[in-house]
Amino acid sequence: MKKILLAVAALVVATGATAQDEAAIAWKKVYPKIEKSIKAPKFKNRDYDIRNFGAVPDDPNTLNHDAINKAIVECSANGGGRVVVPVGTWHTGGIVLKSGVNLCVEEGATLLFNPDRKYYPVVLTRWEGVDCYNNQPLIYAYGEENVGITGKGTIDGGATKENWWAMCGSPRYGYQEGMVSQRTGRPKLLKWNEEQVPVEQRVMTLEDGMRSQLINIYKCKNVLIEDVTLLRSPFWVIHPLLSENITVRGVHIQNDGPNGDGCDPESCKNVLIEDCYFDTGDDCIAIKSGRNGDARRWNVPSENIIVRNCKMKNGHGGVVVGSEIGGGYRNLFVEDCEMDSPLLDRVIRIKTNTCRGGVIENIYVRNVEVGQCKEAVLKINLVYEPRENCDRSFPPLVRNVYLDNVTCQKSKYGVMITALDQGTNVYNVKVSDSDFSGVTSTDPVNYISGKTDNIVFDNLTINGKKVE
């Protein structure tokens, strides 16, 4: 009997040690492997100046997308290189990237997109996690390899309350009754998803009012987006989709429009987002993997994403997983980031529901400094969008979430978890060696509802008191 008790005790100790060291092991072993697997593409040292293809700067009556696309096609056909957008303002319609091409917007140059949707032909894309044919994203690539968008210049989506933004259907952004808006198209698209209408039949029209992304990289490999300033997107700003080996570095994103997410990798693998600045009208970074039936049909998770040395200002969340996350997610590493704004709602956010399903696991966060956020430092929400009309038989699972050395000067809550009442679908969450001051909610400072397991606070201090 004594031997049995000793064996059980040893097992308990070993299990405890394993759980305690899991984050440290992931940072030491998994993180370097992911980092090593992400390599920015290199491009041939050959320039194609868009002026040589008929592009004309600083003339609102001249749209240059035909000239730019001709330069891209020729550059790609000749083995690749740089398509150069020189100093000046270049009015344009939709641009399509090709393999081997680095679209270089030089310092002092601005690509300014025209808001007339006739300049954006219908292409295959995803809209809020649902497959469809919609107006082409302003910059689009499909099935290409080795593509880049670089330079110290500006890419301006041209969206305002007088055009794209009003189409969200909210009076706050300029919508008035009778306008074309996504109030028509969005319910139709979500219904098609629930009924699993074939994708080739999901064709959105101009009357459906579905806004386009600024940059959509679809089924591509080896992508670099570096140093550019991205402004006024109609919808999501950077949307890599079903793509692999992506580097987003030194990008400045300013977009206070509706659904103005900064960077949304969806069903992507091996992504590095570093040294970027986000000031958005929605989530700064939002990781996704498809919505409901479409997500289950593809069954492609997002995985292996590193976010480091970034600054976040306004947004619904700093680094977010969801809500279109039905394909699941694994292995997120966030480190050395700064966040600060009274209009930043949360720091780390996981949002999903029983329409989505999927497993969200292995979230590792360390060394994050927060001035203030509005709601919570960590929020896990399994009842997001409770009025969504969908099949609710797919409970999601969230596990293995670790925050270490996170400081915040002001928030309403420290940790906020809204789990499910049926079954334990949130477990193994640990906040360690962290300090949250200025937490304004007193009852309680951490809000946890629903069934959870193994929620651990290890050396977490809130308002000067250690949380047990």
Protein backbone atom coordinates (compact mmCIF):
# COMPACT_ATOMS: atom_id res chain seq x y z
CA MET A 1 0.00 0.00 0.00
CA LYS A 2 2.87 2.36 0.87
CA LYS A 3 4.42 1.83 -2.56
CA ILE A 4 1.09 2.58 -4.24
CA LEU A 5 0.68 5.82 -2.26
CA LEU A 6 4.22 6.89 -3.12
CA ALA A 7 3.57 6.18 -6.80
CA VAL A 8 0.36 8.19 -6.75
CA ALA A 9 2.13 11.07 -4.98
CA ALA A 10 4.91 11.02 -7.55
CA LEU A 11 2.36 11.09 -10.36
CA VAL A 12 0.58 14.06 -8.79
CA VAL A 13 3.85 15.95 -8.39
CA ALA A 14 4.87 15.15 -11.97
CA THR A 15 1.47 16.19 -13.32
CA GLY A 16 1.57 19.44 -11.35
CA ALA A 17 5.07 20.20 -12.62
CA THR A 18 4.04 19.50 -16.19
CA ALA A 19 1.07 21.83 -15.94
CA GLN A 20 3.17 24.48 -14.21
CA ASP A 21 5.96 24.36 -16.79
CA GLU A 22 3.86 24.02 -19.94
CA ALA A 23 4.09 27.69 -20.90
CA ALA A 24 7.83 27.82 -20.21
CA ILE A 25 8.39 24.72 -22.33
CA ALA A 26 6.29 26.17 -25.17
CA TRP A 27 8.29 29.42 -25.17
CA LYS A 28 11.54 27.46 -25.13
CA LYS A 29 10.74 24.74 -27.67
CA VAL A 30 7.65 25.54 -29.76
CA TYR A 31 8.21 29.29 -30.24
CA PRO A 32 11.70 28.93 -31.84
CA LYS A 33 10.43 26.29 -34.25
CA ILE A 34 7.60 28.54 -35.41
CA GLU A 35 9.93 31.53 -35.66
CA LYS A 36 12.39 29.54 -37.76
CA SER A 37 9.65 28.36 -40.12
CA ILE A 38 8.63 31.93 -41.07
CA LYS A 39 10.87 33.39 -43.74
CA ALA A 40 10.06 36.55 -45.66
CA PRO A 41 10.28 36.12 -49.45
CA LYS A 42 13.09 37.72 -51.41
CA PHE A 43 12.52 39.43 -54.73
CA LYS A 44 14.64 39.92 -57.81
CA ASN A 45 16.52 43.19 -58.07
CA ARG A 46 14.57 44.41 -61.07
CA ASP A 47 12.28 47.48 -61.07
CA TYR A 48 9.14 48.18 -63.06
CA ASP A 49 8.17 51.84 -62.73
CA ILE A 50 4.41 52.21 -63.17
CA ARG A 51 5.00 55.43 -65.17
CA ASN A 52 6.49 53.32 -67.93
CA PHE A 53 3.13 51.57 -68.25
CA GLY A 54 1.10 54.76 -68.58
CA ALA A 55 0.41 55.67 -64.95
CA VAL A 56 -0.18 59.38 -64.28
CA PRO A 57 0.14 60.96 -60.79
CA ASP A 58 -1.91 63.61 -59.05
CA ASP A 59 -4.88 63.52 -61.43
CA PRO A 60 -8.22 62.51 -59.87
CA ASN A 61 -9.65 62.01 -63.37
CA THR A 62 -7.06 59.36 -64.24
CA LEU A 63 -7.29 55.94 -62.61
CA ASN A 64 -4.08 53.95 -62.80
CA HIS A 65 -5.09 50.38 -62.01
CA ASP A 66 -4.80 49.23 -65.62
CA ALA A 67 -1.23 50.56 -65.79
CA ILE A 68 -0.31 49.13 -62.39
CA ASN A 69 -1.78 45.72 -63.21
CA LYS A 70 0.06 45.66 -66.55
CA ALA A 71 3.32 46.34 -64.73
CA ILE A 72 2.53 43.55 -62.24
CA VAL A 73 1.73 41.03 -65.00
CA GLU A 74 4.92 41.83 -66.94
CA CYS A 75 7.05 41.76 -63.80
CA SER A 76 5.68 38.35 -62.82
CA ALA A 77 6.01 36.96 -66.35
CA ASN A 78 9.69 37.93 -66.37
CA GLY A 79 10.46 36.16 -63.09
CA GLY A 80 9.51 38.86 -60.62
CA GLY A 81 10.91 42.00 -59.09
CA ARG A 82 9.60 45.32 -57.77
CA VAL A 83 6.67 47.22 -59.23
CA VAL A 84 7.49 50.73 -58.08
CA VAL A 85 4.94 53.38 -57.16
CA PRO A 86 7.02 56.59 -57.03
CA VAL A 87 6.37 59.91 -55.29
CA GLY A 88 2.93 61.36 -55.94
CA THR A 89 -0.73 60.52 -55.43
CA TRP A 90 -1.86 57.71 -57.71
CA HIS A 91 -5.63 57.35 -58.04
CA THR A 92 -6.60 53.77 -58.76
CA GLY A 93 -9.14 50.99 -58.81
CA GLY A 94 -8.52 47.35 -57.89
CA ILE A 95 -4.99 45.92 -58.01
CA VAL A 96 -4.20 42.21 -58.44
CA LEU A 97 -0.85 40.87 -57.23
CA LYS A 98 1.01 38.06 -59.00
CA SER A 99 3.78 35.65 -58.04
CA GLY A 100 7.24 37.07 -57.60
CA VAL A 101 6.04 40.67 -57.42
CA ASN A 102 6.81 43.16 -54.67
CA LEU A 103 4.50 46.17 -54.95
CA CYS A 104 6.75 48.90 -53.56
CA VAL A 105 5.03 52.15 -52.57
CA GLU A 106 7.92 54.53 -52.10
CA GLU A 107 8.17 57.18 -49.39
CA GLY A 108 6.14 60.19 -50.48
CA ALA A 109 3.86 58.06 -52.65
CA THR A 110 0.16 57.40 -52.00
CA LEU A 111 -2.03 54.81 -53.65
CA LEU A 112 -5.51 56.33 -53.32
CA PHE A 113 -8.40 54.00 -54.15
CA ASN A 114 -11.56 55.21 -55.84
CA PRO A 115 -14.75 54.34 -53.89
CA ASP A 116 -16.81 53.48 -56.99
CA ARG A 117 -17.40 49.72 -56.75
CA LYS A 118 -17.48 49.29 -60.53
CA TYR A 119 -13.69 49.34 -60.41
CA TYR A 120 -13.65 46.17 -58.27
CA PRO A 121 -14.90 43.14 -60.22
CA VAL A 122 -16.44 40.18 -58.41
CA VAL A 123 -13.93 37.59 -57.13
CA LEU A 124 -13.89 34.64 -54.74
CA THR A 125 -13.22 35.69 -51.16
CA ARG A 126 -14.57 35.32 -47.63
CA TRP A 127 -16.71 37.84 -45.78
CA GLU A 128 -16.82 37.51 -42.00
CA GLY A 129 -15.74 33.91 -42.32
CA VAL A 130 -18.26 32.95 -45.04
CA ASP A 131 -17.21 31.99 -48.56
CA CYS A 132 -18.69 34.06 -51.34
CA TYR A 133 -18.12 36.05 -54.50
CA ASN A 134 -17.95 39.75 -53.75
CA ASN A 135 -16.43 42.95 -55.09
CA GLN A 136 -12.69 42.49 -55.33
CA PRO A 137 -10.67 43.60 -52.31
CA LEU A 138 -8.75 46.74 -53.19
CA ILE A 139 -5.49 44.75 -53.35
CA TYR A 140 -6.05 41.06 -54.07
CA ALA A 141 -3.98 37.95 -54.70
CA TYR A 142 -5.25 34.42 -55.27
CA GLY A 143 -3.08 31.30 -55.44
CA GLU A 144 0.21 33.18 -55.79
CA GLU A 145 3.66 32.64 -54.27
CA ASN A 146 6.26 35.17 -53.16
CA VAL A 147 4.24 38.38 -53.05
CA GLY A 148 5.04 41.60 -51.27
CA ILE A 149 3.61 45.01 -50.40
CA THR A 150 6.41 47.19 -49.09
CA GLY A 151 7.82 50.70 -48.95
CA LYS A 152 7.55 53.78 -46.76
CA GLY A 153 4.54 55.12 -48.65
CA THR A 154 0.80 55.14 -47.99
CA ILE A 155 -2.03 52.93 -49.19
CA ASP A 156 -5.28 54.82 -48.66
CA GLY A 157 -8.54 52.92 -49.11
CA GLY A 158 -10.44 56.17 -49.50
CA ALA A 159 -13.34 55.00 -47.33
CA THR A 160 -15.48 57.65 -45.63
CA LYS A 161 -18.97 58.07 -44.23
CA GLU A 162 -20.01 59.30 -47.68
CA ASN A 163 -19.17 56.00 -49.41
CA TRP A 164 -17.96 52.63 -48.13
CA TRP A 165 -18.47 53.14 -44.40
CA ALA A 166 -22.13 54.11 -44.69
CA MET A 167 -22.75 50.66 -46.20
CA CYS A 168 -22.27 49.07 -42.77
CA GLY A 169 -25.86 50.11 -42.04
CA SER A 170 -25.15 52.21 -38.96
CA PRO A 171 -26.24 55.88 -38.78
CA ARG A 172 -23.05 56.52 -36.80
CA TYR A 173 -21.10 55.93 -40.01
CA GLY A 174 -23.38 57.87 -42.34
CA TYR A 175 -26.09 55.33 -43.14
CA GLN A 176 -29.55 56.70 -43.92
CA GLU A 177 -32.72 54.72 -44.52
CA GLY A 178 -32.93 53.51 -48.11
CA MET A 179 -29.18 53.42 -48.75
CA VAL A 180 -27.54 50.34 -50.18
CA SER A 181 -25.99 48.52 -47.21
CA GLN A 182 -24.99 45.17 -45.79
CA ARG A 183 -28.37 45.12 -44.04
CA THR A 184 -29.42 43.41 -47.26
CA GLY A 185 -26.38 41.28 -48.05
CA ARG A 186 -25.18 40.09 -44.66
CA PRO A 187 -28.35 38.24 -43.57
CA LYS A 188 -28.52 36.66 -47.03
CA LEU A 189 -24.91 35.47 -46.83
CA LEU A 190 -25.27 34.07 -43.31
CA LYS A 191 -28.44 32.22 -44.38
CA TRP A 192 -26.60 30.72 -47.35
CA ASN A 193 -23.94 29.49 -44.95
CA GLU A 194 -26.44 27.88 -42.60
CA GLU A 195 -28.19 26.20 -45.54
CA GLN A 196 -24.82 25.28 -47.11
CA VAL A 197 -25.74 26.76 -50.47
CA PRO A 198 -22.94 25.94 -52.97
CA VAL A 199 -20.32 28.70 -52.97
CA GLU A 200 -20.59 29.28 -56.71
CA GLN A 201 -24.19 30.39 -56.10
CA ARG A 202 -23.24 32.88 -53.39
CA VAL A 203 -22.71 35.88 -55.63
CA MET A 204 -23.11 39.24 -53.94
CA THR A 205 -24.41 42.10 -56.07
CA LEU A 206 -23.90 45.84 -55.78
CA GLU A 207 -27.31 46.05 -54.13
CA ASP A 208 -26.17 43.73 -51.34
CA GLY A 209 -23.84 46.41 -49.98
CA MET A 210 -20.98 44.16 -48.88
CA ARG A 211 -17.80 46.14 -48.31
CA SER A 212 -14.38 45.01 -49.54
CA GLN A 213 -11.17 44.42 -47.60
CA LEU A 214 -8.20 46.67 -48.25
CA ILE A 215 -5.78 43.75 -48.73
CA ASN A 216 -6.90 40.13 -49.22
CA ILE A 217 -4.20 37.50 -49.74
CA TYR A 218 -6.01 34.25 -50.57
CA LYS A 219 -4.37 30.79 -50.88
CA CYS A 220 -0.91 32.30 -51.14
CA LYS A 221 2.51 31.24 -49.87
CA ASN A 222 5.41 33.41 -48.79
CA VAL A 223 3.98 36.88 -48.20
CA LEU A 224 5.66 40.08 -46.99
CA ILE A 225 3.81 43.25 -45.98
CA GLU A 226 6.34 45.72 -44.62
CA ASP A 227 6.69 49.38 -43.62
CA VAL A 228 3.63 50.75 -45.44
CA THR A 229 1.01 52.99 -43.87
CA LEU A 230 -2.55 51.68 -44.37
CA LEU A 231 -5.47 54.08 -44.03
CA ARG A 232 -9.26 54.22 -44.38
CA SER A 233 -10.10 50.65 -45.35
CA PRO A 234 -13.72 49.94 -46.36
CA PHE A 235 -13.68 46.84 -44.14
CA TRP A 236 -10.88 44.69 -42.65
CA VAL A 237 -7.44 46.08 -43.46
CA ILE A 238 -5.12 43.07 -43.92
CA HIS A 239 -6.87 39.74 -44.48
CA PRO A 240 -4.61 36.77 -45.23
CA LEU A 241 -6.83 33.77 -45.97
CA LEU A 242 -5.88 30.09 -46.25
CA SER A 243 -2.29 31.23 -46.70
CA GLU A 244 1.08 30.23 -45.28
CA ASN A 245 4.38 31.84 -44.31
CA ILE A 246 3.33 35.45 -43.80
CA THR A 247 5.38 38.34 -42.41
CA VAL A 248 3.69 41.63 -41.46
CA ARG A 249 6.41 43.98 -40.22
CA GLY A 250 6.66 47.67 -39.42
CA VAL A 251 3.18 48.43 -40.75
CA HIS A 252 1.25 51.47 -39.50
CA ILE A 253 -2.52 50.95 -39.54
CA GLN A 254 -4.95 53.78 -38.90
CA ASN A 255 -8.54 52.86 -39.62
CA ASP A 256 -11.45 54.03 -37.49
CA GLY A 257 -14.18 52.79 -39.80
CA PRO A 258 -16.74 50.08 -38.96
CA ASN A 259 -15.39 46.52 -38.78
CA GLY A 260 -12.01 48.14 -39.30
CA ASP A 261 -9.91 45.24 -38.00
CA GLY A 262 -6.18 45.77 -38.47
CA CYS A 263 -4.85 42.32 -39.38
CA ASP A 264 -7.02 39.18 -39.55
CA PRO A 265 -5.15 35.98 -40.47
CA GLU A 266 -7.87 33.43 -41.28
CA SER A 267 -7.11 29.72 -41.59
CA CYS A 268 -3.45 30.67 -41.93
CA LYS A 269 -0.28 28.93 -40.79
CA ASN A 270 3.06 30.39 -39.73
CA VAL A 271 2.46 34.13 -39.36
CA LEU A 272 4.73 36.79 -37.86
CA ILE A 273 3.30 40.21 -36.95
CA GLU A 274 5.97 42.46 -35.49
CA ASP A 275 6.88 46.11 -34.93
CA CYS A 276 3.45 47.28 -36.09
CA TYR A 277 1.14 50.06 -34.91
CA PHE A 278 -2.65 49.62 -34.73
CA ASP A 279 -5.33 52.25 -34.21
CA THR A 280 -8.59 50.71 -35.38
CA GLY A 281 -12.36 50.87 -35.26
CA ASP A 282 -12.52 47.20 -34.29
CA ASP A 283 -10.03 44.52 -33.21
CA CYS A 284 -6.38 45.39 -33.79
CA ILE A 285 -5.39 41.79 -34.56
CA ALA A 286 -8.14 39.17 -34.90
CA ILE A 287 -7.28 35.55 -35.68
CA LYS A 288 -9.99 33.61 -37.48
CA SER A 289 -10.70 30.25 -39.16
CA GLY A 290 -14.14 30.47 -40.73
CA ARG A 291 -17.72 30.73 -39.59
CA ASN A 292 -20.07 27.89 -38.67
CA GLY A 293 -20.83 25.48 -41.54
CA ASP A 294 -18.14 26.85 -43.86
CA ALA A 295 -15.55 26.46 -41.12
CA ARG A 296 -16.50 22.85 -40.55
CA ARG A 297 -16.52 22.17 -44.30
CA TRP A 298 -12.96 23.46 -44.70
CA ASN A 299 -11.76 22.30 -41.26
CA VAL A 300 -8.57 24.39 -41.52
CA PRO A 301 -7.44 25.99 -38.25
CA SER A 302 -5.23 29.00 -37.92
CA GLU A 303 -1.99 28.03 -36.22
CA ASN A 304 1.49 29.14 -35.28
CA ILE A 305 1.17 32.92 -35.04
CA ILE A 306 3.69 35.23 -33.35
CA VAL A 307 2.82 38.81 -32.36
CA ARG A 308 5.67 40.84 -30.91
CA ASN A 309 6.86 44.40 -30.36
CA CYS A 310 3.55 45.89 -31.49
CA LYS A 311 1.70 48.94 -30.21
CA MET A 312 -2.07 49.04 -30.00
CA LYS A 313 -4.17 52.13 -29.40
CA ASN A 314 -7.94 52.10 -30.08
CA GLY A 315 -9.85 48.91 -30.81
CA HIS A 316 -12.34 46.41 -29.46
CA GLY A 317 -9.40 44.16 -28.58
CA GLY A 318 -5.62 44.19 -28.80
CA VAL A 319 -4.90 40.58 -29.75
CA VAL A 320 -8.08 38.60 -30.39
CA VAL A 321 -9.01 35.04 -31.33
CA GLY A 322 -12.44 34.89 -32.98
CA SER A 323 -15.24 35.22 -33.40
CA GLU A 324 -15.21 33.44 -36.80
CA ILE A 325 -13.05 30.67 -35.38
CA GLY A 326 -15.02 27.49 -36.20
CA GLY A 327 -11.94 25.79 -37.65
CA GLY A 328 -10.13 26.22 -34.37
CA TYR A 329 -6.82 27.76 -33.40
CA ARG A 330 -3.55 26.62 -31.83
CA ASN A 331 -0.22 28.14 -30.83
CA LEU A 332 -0.35 31.90 -30.38
CA PHE A 333 2.67 33.68 -28.92
CA VAL A 334 2.34 37.34 -27.91
CA GLU A 335 5.24 39.21 -26.33
CA ASP A 336 6.72 42.64 -25.69
CA CYS A 337 3.66 44.62 -26.78
CA GLU A 338 2.33 47.96 -25.53
CA MET A 339 -1.36 48.86 -25.41
CA ASP A 340 -2.96 52.02 -24.11
CA SER A 341 -6.24 53.80 -24.79
CA PRO A 342 -9.55 54.51 -23.04
CA LEU A 343 -11.07 53.26 -26.32
CA LEU A 344 -9.24 49.93 -26.21
CA ASP A 345 -11.82 47.54 -24.80
CA ARG A 346 -9.71 44.47 -23.99
CA VAL A 347 -6.08 43.38 -24.13
CA ILE A 348 -6.32 39.64 -24.86
CA ARG A 349 -9.73 38.52 -26.10
CA ILE A 350 -11.18 35.14 -27.08
CA LYS A 351 -14.72 35.26 -28.49
CA THR A 352 -16.78 32.39 -29.84
CA ASN A 353 -20.13 30.62 -29.36
CA THR A 354 -22.00 27.36 -29.83
CA CYS A 355 -22.55 28.08 -33.55
CA ARG A 356 -18.82 27.89 -34.16
CA GLY A 357 -17.43 24.84 -32.39
CA GLY A 358 -13.71 24.20 -32.72
CA VAL A 359 -10.84 24.02 -30.26
CA ILE A 360 -8.90 27.14 -29.27
CA GLU A 361 -5.74 26.17 -27.45
CA ASN A 362 -2.21 27.11 -26.53
CA ILE A 363 -2.32 30.88 -26.06
CA TYR A 364 0.92 32.23 -24.59
CA VAL A 365 1.30 35.90 -23.61
CA ARG A 366 4.21 37.53 -21.79
CA ASN A 367 5.73 40.94 -21.12
CA VAL A 368 2.76 43.08 -22.16
CA GLU A 369 2.46 46.61 -20.77
CA VAL A 370 -0.94 48.27 -20.73
CA GLY A 371 -1.69 51.86 -19.79
CA GLN A 372 -5.45 51.42 -19.76
CA CYS A 373 -8.24 49.47 -21.35
CA LYS A 374 -11.98 49.86 -20.94
CA GLU A 375 -13.25 46.42 -19.90
CA ALA A 376 -10.81 43.56 -19.11
CA VAL A 377 -7.19 42.59 -19.46
CA LEU A 378 -8.17 39.03 -20.38
CA LYS A 379 -11.64 38.24 -21.68
CA ILE A 380 -12.85 34.79 -22.71
CA ASN A 381 -16.43 34.80 -23.99
CA LEU A 382 -18.23 31.65 -25.15
CA VAL A 383 -21.60 33.36 -25.62
CA TYR A 384 -20.59 35.98 -28.18
CA GLU A 385 -23.40 37.14 -30.53
CA PRO A 386 -26.20 35.44 -28.55
CA ARG A 387 -28.86 36.48 -31.09
CA GLU A 388 -27.13 34.84 -34.06
CA ASN A 389 -29.55 32.65 -36.01
CA CYS A 390 -27.66 29.36 -36.37
CA ASP A 391 -27.36 25.71 -35.41
CA ARG A 392 -26.20 25.88 -31.80
CA SER A 393 -25.08 22.28 -31.38
CA PHE A 394 -21.34 22.93 -31.63
CA PRO A 395 -19.92 23.93 -28.24
CA PRO A 396 -16.41 25.38 -28.54
CA LEU A 397 -13.48 24.49 -26.31
CA VAL A 398 -10.91 26.94 -24.91
CA ARG A 399 -7.89 25.59 -23.06
CA ASN A 400 -4.29 26.31 -22.17
CA VAL A 401 -4.27 30.11 -21.93
CA TYR A 402 -1.26 31.56 -20.15
CA LEU A 403 -0.50 35.20 -19.31
CA ASP A 404 2.79 36.07 -17.62
CA ASN A 405 4.20 39.45 -16.60
CA VAL A 406 1.28 41.51 -17.87
CA THR A 407 0.77 44.93 -16.27
CA CYS A 408 -2.23 47.22 -16.61
CA GLN A 409 -2.79 50.61 -14.98
CA LYS A 410 -6.55 50.86 -15.45
CA SER A 411 -9.45 48.58 -16.40
CA LYS A 412 -12.89 47.59 -15.17
CA TYR A 413 -12.01 43.92 -14.60
CA GLY A 414 -8.80 41.97 -14.42
CA VAL A 415 -9.97 38.65 -15.87
CA MET A 416 -13.45 38.20 -17.33
CA ILE A 417 -14.62 34.71 -18.36
CA THR A 418 -18.13 33.94 -19.60
CA ALA A 419 -18.25 30.18 -20.05
CA LEU A 420 -21.12 27.78 -20.75
CA ASP A 421 -23.42 26.38 -18.09
CA GLN A 422 -23.59 22.97 -19.77
CA GLY A 423 -20.25 21.21 -19.66
CA THR A 424 -16.79 22.55 -18.83
CA ASN A 425 -15.49 24.19 -21.98
CA VAL A 426 -12.91 26.57 -20.50
CA TYR A 427 -9.99 25.15 -18.55
CA ASN A 428 -6.29 25.51 -17.89
CA VAL A 429 -6.12 29.31 -17.70
CA LYS A 430 -3.25 30.83 -15.75
CA VAL A 431 -2.27 34.43 -15.02
CA SER A 432 1.10 34.67 -13.31
CA ASP A 433 3.51 37.34 -12.04
CA SER A 434 1.18 40.11 -13.21
CA ASP A 435 -0.06 43.38 -11.75
CA PHE A 436 -3.38 45.06 -12.56
CA SER A 437 -3.87 48.39 -10.81
CA GLY A 438 -6.74 50.79 -11.18
CA VAL A 439 -9.33 48.00 -11.52
CA THR A 440 -12.61 49.82 -10.95
CA SER A 441 -14.99 46.91 -10.38
CA THR A 442 -15.12 45.90 -6.74
CA ASP A 443 -17.62 43.04 -6.95
CA PRO A 444 -15.76 41.18 -8.26
CA VAL A 445 -12.42 42.39 -9.65
CA ASN A 446 -12.34 39.17 -11.70
CA TYR A 447 -15.65 38.07 -13.21
CA ILE A 448 -16.08 34.36 -13.94
CA SER A 449 -19.40 32.73 -14.84
CA GLY A 450 -20.32 29.31 -16.24
CA LYS A 451 -18.42 26.09 -15.77
CA THR A 452 -14.63 26.34 -15.77
CA ASP A 453 -11.77 24.30 -14.40
CA ASN A 454 -8.21 25.00 -13.33
CA ILE A 455 -8.32 28.80 -13.45
CA VAL A 456 -5.10 29.73 -11.65
CA PHE A 457 -3.82 33.09 -10.40
CA ASP A 458 -0.17 32.77 -9.39
CA ASN A 459 1.31 35.94 -7.98
CA LEU A 460 -1.39 38.10 -9.56
CA THR A 461 -1.80 41.44 -7.82
CA ILE A 462 -4.92 43.55 -8.32
CA ASN A 463 -5.11 47.01 -6.75
CA GLY A 464 -2.20 46.14 -4.50
CA LYS A 465 -3.64 42.86 -3.19
CA LYS A 466 -2.65 39.36 -4.22
CA VAL A 467 -5.46 37.31 -5.73
CA GLU A 468 -5.75 33.75 -4.44
